[in-house]
Protein backbone atom coordinates (compact mmCIF):
# COMPACT_ATOMS: atom_id res chain seq x y z
CA UNK A 1 62.45 -40.15 69.11
CA UNK A 2 63.13 -38.21 65.89
CA UNK A 3 62.54 -34.49 65.74
CA UNK A 4 59.35 -33.18 64.19
CA UNK A 5 60.13 -32.47 60.54
CA UNK A 6 60.06 -28.95 59.18
CA UNK A 7 56.73 -28.06 57.62
CA UNK A 8 55.79 -25.49 55.01
CA UNK A 9 52.41 -23.93 55.75
CA UNK A 10 50.55 -21.81 53.17
CA UNK A 11 47.84 -19.52 54.50
CA UNK A 12 45.79 -17.69 51.89
CA UNK A 13 42.68 -15.55 51.82
CA UNK A 14 41.43 -12.02 51.14
CA UNK A 15 42.17 -8.97 53.28
CA UNK A 16 40.62 -8.76 56.73
CA UNK A 17 40.27 -12.49 57.36
CA UNK A 18 43.02 -12.53 59.97
CA UNK A 19 45.84 -13.95 57.85
CA UNK A 20 48.65 -11.89 59.31
CA UNK A 21 47.65 -12.16 62.97
CA UNK A 22 46.96 -15.88 62.64
CA UNK A 23 50.11 -16.65 60.67
CA UNK A 24 52.40 -14.77 63.05
CA UNK A 25 50.82 -16.36 66.11
CA UNK A 26 50.98 -19.89 64.66
CA UNK A 27 54.61 -19.44 63.61
CA UNK A 28 55.57 -18.08 67.03
CA UNK A 29 53.69 -20.86 68.84
CA UNK A 30 55.41 -23.61 66.83
CA UNK A 31 58.85 -22.04 66.44
CA UNK A 32 58.53 -21.56 62.68
CA UNK A 33 59.69 -18.73 60.45
CA UNK A 34 57.07 -16.37 59.03
CA UNK A 35 56.68 -14.54 55.73
CA UNK A 36 54.13 -11.85 54.89
CA UNK A 37 54.07 -11.91 51.10
CA UNK A 38 51.52 -9.11 50.94
CA UNK A 39 54.06 -6.83 52.61
CA UNK A 40 56.47 -7.56 49.77
CA UNK A 41 53.97 -6.41 47.15
CA UNK A 42 53.15 -3.37 49.26
CA UNK A 43 56.86 -2.59 49.65
CA UNK A 44 57.54 -2.65 45.92
CA UNK A 45 54.41 -0.53 45.37
CA UNK A 46 55.59 1.98 47.97
CA UNK A 47 59.01 2.11 46.30
CA UNK A 48 57.43 2.82 42.92
CA UNK A 49 55.23 5.57 44.31
CA UNK A 50 58.27 7.17 45.96
CA UNK A 51 60.35 6.89 42.80
CA UNK A 52 57.93 8.46 40.38
CA UNK A 53 56.71 5.29 38.69
CA UNK A 54 53.15 5.58 37.38
CA UNK A 55 51.55 2.60 39.11
CA UNK A 56 48.61 2.74 36.68
CA UNK A 57 51.01 2.18 33.75
CA UNK A 58 51.67 -1.57 33.53
CA UNK A 59 54.61 -1.09 31.18
CA UNK A 60 56.28 1.38 33.53
CA UNK A 61 55.70 -0.93 36.49
CA UNK A 62 57.12 -3.90 34.54
CA UNK A 63 60.22 -1.92 33.61
CA UNK A 64 60.85 -1.01 37.25
CA UNK A 65 60.02 -4.42 38.77
CA UNK A 66 63.62 -5.57 39.06
CA UNK A 67 65.08 -2.34 40.43
CA UNK A 68 64.38 -2.20 44.18
CA UNK A 69 65.94 -4.50 46.75
CA UNK A 70 63.08 -5.98 48.79
CA UNK A 71 64.17 -7.65 52.04
CA UNK A 72 61.79 -9.47 54.38
CA UNK A 73 62.46 -10.45 57.97
CA UNK A 74 61.09 -13.87 58.98
CA UNK A 75 60.86 -13.52 62.77
CA UNK A 76 57.14 -13.80 63.63
CA UNK A 77 57.68 -11.76 66.79
CA UNK A 78 59.34 -8.91 64.90
CA UNK A 79 58.55 -9.07 61.18
CA UNK A 80 60.30 -6.49 59.04
CA UNK A 81 60.21 -5.29 55.43
CA UNK A 82 62.52 -2.88 53.65
CA UNK A 83 62.90 -1.43 50.16
CA UNK A 84 66.40 -0.37 49.10
CA UNK A 85 67.40 -0.41 52.75
CA UNK A 86 64.58 1.87 53.93
CA UNK A 87 62.19 0.56 56.59
CA UNK A 88 58.83 0.19 54.85
CA UNK A 89 56.83 -1.49 57.61
CA UNK A 90 54.86 1.66 58.44
CA UNK A 91 54.51 3.38 55.05
CA UNK A 92 53.19 0.28 53.28
CA UNK A 93 49.98 0.39 55.36
CA UNK A 94 48.85 3.79 54.10
CA UNK A 95 45.76 4.29 51.94
CA UNK A 96 47.94 5.46 49.04
CA UNK A 97 49.75 2.14 48.89
CA UNK A 98 46.55 0.17 49.47
CA UNK A 99 44.91 1.92 46.52
CA UNK A 100 47.79 1.07 44.17
CA UNK A 101 48.95 -2.37 45.28
CA UNK A 102 46.43 -4.44 43.30
CA UNK A 103 47.43 -2.80 40.02
CA UNK A 104 51.13 -3.24 40.74
CA UNK A 105 50.81 -6.84 41.92
CA UNK A 106 48.81 -7.77 38.81
CA UNK A 107 51.78 -7.03 36.54
CA UNK A 108 53.39 -10.39 35.56
CA UNK A 109 56.95 -9.07 35.89
CA UNK A 110 56.25 -7.99 39.47
CA UNK A 111 54.69 -11.32 40.37
CA UNK A 112 57.60 -13.22 38.82
CA UNK A 113 60.11 -11.13 40.77
CA UNK A 114 58.32 -11.40 44.11
CA UNK A 115 57.37 -15.07 43.69
CA UNK A 116 61.06 -15.87 43.17
CA UNK A 117 61.92 -14.09 46.42
CA UNK A 118 59.19 -15.97 48.27
CA UNK A 119 60.30 -19.38 47.06
CA UNK A 120 63.90 -18.65 47.99
CA UNK A 121 62.94 -17.58 51.51
CA UNK A 122 60.76 -20.68 51.99
CA UNK A 123 63.52 -22.98 50.71
CA UNK A 124 66.05 -21.44 53.09
CA UNK A 125 63.77 -21.74 56.16
CA UNK A 126 65.25 -25.01 57.36
CA UNK A 127 63.10 -25.20 60.49
CA UNK A 128 59.83 -24.71 58.63
CA UNK A 129 57.84 -21.61 57.73
CA UNK A 130 54.34 -20.14 57.65
CA UNK A 131 53.82 -18.17 54.43
CA UNK A 132 50.73 -15.99 54.09
CA UNK A 133 49.30 -14.33 51.01
CA UNK A 134 46.80 -14.76 48.19
CA UNK A 135 48.38 -17.30 45.86
CA UNK A 136 50.71 -19.27 48.10
CA UNK A 137 48.91 -22.62 47.98
CA UNK A 138 48.02 -22.33 44.30
CA UNK A 139 51.13 -20.80 42.73
CA UNK A 140 54.05 -19.97 45.02
CA UNK A 141 54.22 -23.17 47.09
CA UNK A 142 51.81 -25.68 45.52
CA UNK A 143 53.59 -28.53 47.33
CA UNK A 144 53.19 -27.00 50.80
CA UNK A 145 52.65 -29.53 53.58
CA UNK A 146 49.48 -27.71 54.67
CA UNK A 147 47.27 -25.20 52.88
CA UNK A 148 44.74 -23.11 54.76
CA UNK A 149 42.27 -20.67 53.20
CA UNK A 150 40.78 -18.12 55.60
CA UNK A 151 37.43 -16.44 54.93
CA UNK A 152 35.12 -14.05 56.82
CA UNK A 153 32.00 -12.01 56.19
CA UNK A 154 32.41 -8.67 54.37
CA UNK A 155 31.35 -6.79 57.50
CA UNK A 156 33.86 -8.53 59.75
CA UNK A 157 36.64 -8.05 57.24
CA UNK A 158 35.92 -4.34 56.88
CA UNK A 159 35.93 -3.81 60.64
CA UNK A 160 39.26 -5.60 61.02
CA UNK A 161 40.85 -3.89 58.05
CA UNK A 162 39.67 -0.50 59.23
CA UNK A 163 41.68 -0.92 62.38
CA UNK A 164 44.87 -1.60 60.41
CA UNK A 165 44.82 1.12 57.76
CA UNK A 166 46.21 4.57 58.39
CA UNK A 167 46.42 7.71 56.34
CA UNK A 168 49.72 9.28 55.33
CA UNK A 169 49.75 11.43 58.50
CA UNK A 170 49.21 8.37 60.72
CA UNK A 171 45.56 8.87 61.61
CA UNK A 172 43.17 5.93 61.56
CA UNK A 173 40.54 5.39 58.89
CA UNK A 174 37.01 5.46 60.31
CA UNK A 175 34.64 5.04 57.33
CA UNK A 176 33.63 1.38 57.46
CA UNK A 177 31.48 1.63 54.35
CA UNK A 178 34.38 3.01 52.35
CA UNK A 179 36.70 0.32 53.69
CA UNK A 180 34.24 -2.42 52.76
CA UNK A 181 33.84 -0.96 49.29
CA UNK A 182 37.63 -0.85 48.88
CA UNK A 183 37.92 -4.48 49.99
CA UNK A 184 35.26 -5.54 47.50
CA UNK A 185 37.08 -3.74 44.71
CA UNK A 186 40.38 -5.36 45.65
CA UNK A 187 38.78 -8.81 45.85
CA UNK A 188 37.45 -8.31 42.35
CA UNK A 189 40.85 -7.17 41.05
CA UNK A 190 42.82 -9.93 42.79
CA UNK A 191 40.40 -12.70 41.80
CA UNK A 192 40.16 -11.67 38.15
CA UNK A 193 43.79 -10.93 37.33
CA UNK A 194 45.31 -13.22 34.70
CA UNK A 195 48.49 -14.00 36.64
CA UNK A 196 48.10 -15.98 39.88
CA UNK A 197 44.57 -14.91 40.83
CA UNK A 198 43.32 -15.12 44.39
CA UNK A 199 41.54 -18.44 44.82
CA UNK A 200 41.34 -21.38 47.18
CA UNK A 201 43.61 -24.32 46.37
CA UNK A 202 41.69 -27.54 45.76
CA UNK A 203 43.40 -29.22 48.72
CA UNK A 204 43.24 -26.28 51.12
CA UNK A 205 41.35 -26.41 54.42
CA UNK A 206 38.86 -23.53 54.58
CA UNK A 207 38.39 -21.78 57.92
CA UNK A 208 35.65 -19.16 58.34
CA UNK A 209 36.91 -16.70 60.96
CA UNK A 210 33.79 -14.51 61.16
CA UNK A 211 32.54 -15.77 64.50
CA UNK A 212 35.88 -16.92 65.90
CA UNK A 213 38.30 -15.09 68.17
CA UNK A 214 41.91 -14.84 67.04
CA UNK A 215 42.90 -17.41 69.66
CA UNK A 216 40.31 -19.86 68.36
CA UNK A 217 41.57 -19.47 64.80
CA UNK A 218 45.17 -19.91 65.95
CA UNK A 219 44.29 -23.06 67.89
CA UNK A 220 42.51 -24.45 64.84
CA UNK A 221 45.46 -23.83 62.54
CA UNK A 222 48.03 -25.06 65.08
CA UNK A 223 46.10 -28.34 65.27
CA UNK A 224 46.13 -28.61 61.47
CA UNK A 225 49.88 -27.93 61.36
CA UNK A 226 50.58 -30.52 64.03
CA UNK A 227 48.56 -33.10 62.09
CA UNK A 228 50.45 -32.24 58.90
CA UNK A 229 53.77 -32.59 60.74
CA UNK A 230 52.71 -35.92 62.22
CA UNK A 231 51.74 -37.18 58.79
CA UNK A 232 55.10 -36.12 57.41
CA UNK A 233 56.90 -37.69 60.34
CA UNK A 234 55.01 -41.01 60.28
CA UNK A 235 56.55 -42.64 57.19
CA UNK A 236 60.05 -41.69 58.33
CA UNK A 237 59.41 -43.29 61.73
CA UNK A 238 58.08 -46.43 60.06
CA UNK A 239 61.23 -46.72 57.96
CA UNK A 240 63.37 -46.18 61.04
CA UNK A 241 61.57 -48.97 62.92
CA UNK A 242 61.81 -51.31 59.95
CA UNK A 243 65.56 -50.76 59.75
CA UNK A 244 66.10 -51.79 63.36
């Protein structure tokens, strides 16, 4: 029996829908690589903030887009992200970065730079990969074997996001209303930007995670991935049988 072919899985959706937790769990369950594309945009934003780049100045951001070295780990059990060799996994989750990342990621030069990195990583993941973000199925990997778009109610998203965000001194954010307002603002910015806006791909499977546990969402996506892999494997098996 031939091995299951490598699959490229694109998981998109706004913040707080469970993209990261779901993507890491699915990749770990199926032995696939994992890429958090949002972490890449956060890492370059963090680098710019630390290097005196005015993140509200699109020209300044564009001029600096090619300067930092952004390196992403693809182990779903231990994902990593660095900027110019510095571990950015903690700092990129601060409110300061969150407030600036939409403006930075909307700059075409930044998107071109990061999209190139994402495509290279996906192409080099020989065993298959789960890539999560906001424009993976529509722009980065439009030929992905499976596209999933996660959604959730604004209240559920705010509650989840609130548990992830931390202030610069490491304390948790507790104002749910403020978090929900911030998410709404980011949705508006990400969905209306001219370059690679956040939107569901026409052929993506939409999964509403509002009333589902993480395990239920993971099981749902794992089933979808297995079906996609079987569909990719089928024609090859048919050719193999015909050649016998």
